[in-house]
Amino acid sequence: MQNTQMNKADIEQLKGLTVIEFGTNWCSYCQAAQAIIAKALLNYPNVKHIKIEDGKGQRLGRLYIVKLWPTLIFLKDGIELTRLVRPNNEQAISDALHQITNETSH
């Protein structure tokens, strides 16, 4: 997991569609989810994917009320539209991606 340094203001200023992934390198749930996250995102090349290292001393996860890893937060222009906690299948991620891309076209 890349240790992206962002704060809430940085996230709120993001433009377009973004998935923020909170987790850690040592989290087995995070490791298990990587393949399905990557596969789901292949169909959405216009969606940015940002991984944020969470854990002790990391305030950003607390600000977003992240309790379990991985947590995927789906944003449009920095505003949360939906989230998934510990996704375990590609379809759930694809459904969330479909939701945010459809909300963009309205």
Protein backbone atom coordinates (compact mmCIF):
# COMPACT_ATOMS: atom_id res chain seq x y z
CA MET A 1 0.00 0.00 0.00
CA GLN A 2 1.40 3.35 -0.94
CA ASN A 3 1.59 5.80 1.92
CA THR A 4 -0.29 8.66 0.31
CA GLN A 5 -0.16 11.75 2.50
CA MET A 6 -3.44 13.59 2.21
CA ASN A 7 -5.67 15.48 4.56
CA LYS A 8 -9.42 15.94 4.46
CA ALA A 9 -9.09 19.29 2.66
CA ASP A 10 -7.00 17.60 -0.08
CA ILE A 11 -9.68 14.97 -0.56
CA GLU A 12 -12.51 17.51 -0.59
CA GLN A 13 -10.71 19.38 -3.41
CA LEU A 14 -10.42 16.31 -5.66
CA LYS A 15 -12.12 16.73 -9.02
CA GLY A 16 -13.95 13.98 -10.84
CA LEU A 17 -14.49 10.43 -9.65
CA THR A 18 -12.18 8.90 -7.06
CA VAL A 19 -12.01 5.79 -4.92
CA ILE A 20 -10.12 6.26 -1.67
CA GLU A 21 -8.91 2.96 -0.20
CA PHE A 22 -8.07 2.96 3.51
CA GLY A 23 -6.01 0.01 4.74
CA THR A 24 -2.55 -1.24 5.63
CA ASN A 25 0.11 -3.42 4.00
CA TRP A 26 -0.09 -6.05 6.72
CA CYS A 27 -3.90 -6.38 6.73
CA SER A 28 -4.86 -9.79 5.32
CA TYR A 29 -8.30 -8.48 4.28
CA CYS A 30 -6.61 -5.64 2.38
CA GLN A 31 -4.23 -8.04 0.66
CA ALA A 32 -7.07 -10.39 -0.30
CA ALA A 33 -9.12 -7.54 -1.79
CA GLN A 34 -6.40 -6.13 -4.05
CA ALA A 35 -7.11 -8.38 -7.04
CA ILE A 36 -10.87 -7.74 -7.05
CA ILE A 37 -10.41 -4.00 -6.56
CA ALA A 38 -7.96 -3.83 -9.46
CA LYS A 39 -10.18 -5.96 -11.70
CA ALA A 40 -13.28 -3.85 -11.00
CA LEU A 41 -11.38 -0.62 -11.65
CA LEU A 42 -10.20 -1.84 -15.08
CA ASN A 43 -13.65 -1.08 -16.47
CA TYR A 44 -13.55 2.48 -15.09
CA PRO A 45 -10.32 4.09 -16.36
CA ASN A 46 -11.61 7.59 -15.55
CA VAL A 47 -11.92 6.80 -11.84
CA LYS A 48 -8.83 7.69 -9.78
CA HIS A 49 -7.76 5.16 -7.12
CA ILE A 50 -5.88 6.51 -4.11
CA LYS A 51 -4.59 4.22 -1.37
CA ILE A 52 -4.16 5.69 2.07
CA GLU A 53 -2.20 3.95 4.80
CA ASP A 54 -4.37 3.90 7.89
CA GLY A 55 -3.67 2.86 11.45
CA LYS A 56 -2.35 4.16 14.70
CA GLY A 57 -1.59 7.87 14.59
CA GLN A 58 -3.36 8.36 11.25
CA ARG A 59 -6.17 10.90 11.72
CA LEU A 60 -7.66 10.81 8.23
CA GLY A 61 -9.23 7.39 8.71
CA ARG A 62 -10.82 8.59 11.95
CA LEU A 63 -12.22 11.66 10.20
CA TYR A 64 -13.90 9.36 7.68
CA ILE A 65 -15.05 7.00 10.47
CA VAL A 66 -13.07 4.05 9.07
CA LYS A 67 -13.40 1.14 11.48
CA LEU A 68 -12.43 -1.88 9.37
CA TRP A 69 -9.99 -2.38 6.50
CA PRO A 70 -10.15 -2.14 3.65
CA THR A 71 -12.73 0.60 3.41
CA LEU A 72 -13.39 1.98 -0.06
CA ILE A 73 -14.92 5.45 -0.21
CA PHE A 74 -16.38 6.43 -3.59
CA LEU A 75 -16.26 10.17 -4.26
CA LYS A 76 -17.46 12.65 -6.84
CA ASP A 77 -15.65 15.99 -6.69
CA GLY A 78 -14.46 15.18 -3.17
CA ILE A 79 -17.92 14.33 -1.83
CA GLU A 80 -18.67 10.82 -0.58
CA LEU A 81 -21.42 9.08 -2.53
CA THR A 82 -21.09 5.56 -1.13
CA ARG A 83 -18.64 3.24 0.61
CA LEU A 84 -17.80 -0.42 0.93
CA VAL A 85 -16.27 -2.02 3.98
CA ARG A 86 -14.23 -5.21 3.45
CA PRO A 87 -15.51 -5.90 -0.04
CA ASN A 88 -15.11 -9.58 -0.87
CA ASN A 89 -16.40 -9.73 -4.43
CA GLU A 90 -15.80 -7.81 -7.61
CA GLN A 91 -19.52 -7.31 -8.27
CA ALA A 92 -20.02 -5.17 -5.14
CA ILE A 93 -17.17 -2.89 -6.20
CA SER A 94 -18.42 -2.75 -9.79
CA ASP A 95 -21.92 -1.86 -8.55
CA ALA A 96 -20.54 1.03 -6.47
CA LEU A 97 -18.44 2.24 -9.42
CA HIS A 98 -21.49 2.02 -11.68
CA GLN A 99 -23.48 4.03 -9.12
CA ILE A 100 -20.99 6.91 -8.99
CA THR A 101 -20.53 7.03 -12.75
CA ASN A 102 -24.30 7.13 -13.26
CA GLU A 103 -24.72 9.91 -10.69
CA THR A 104 -22.19 11.90 -12.70
CA SER A 105 -24.25 11.72 -15.86
CA HIS A 106 -27.42 13.18 -14.26
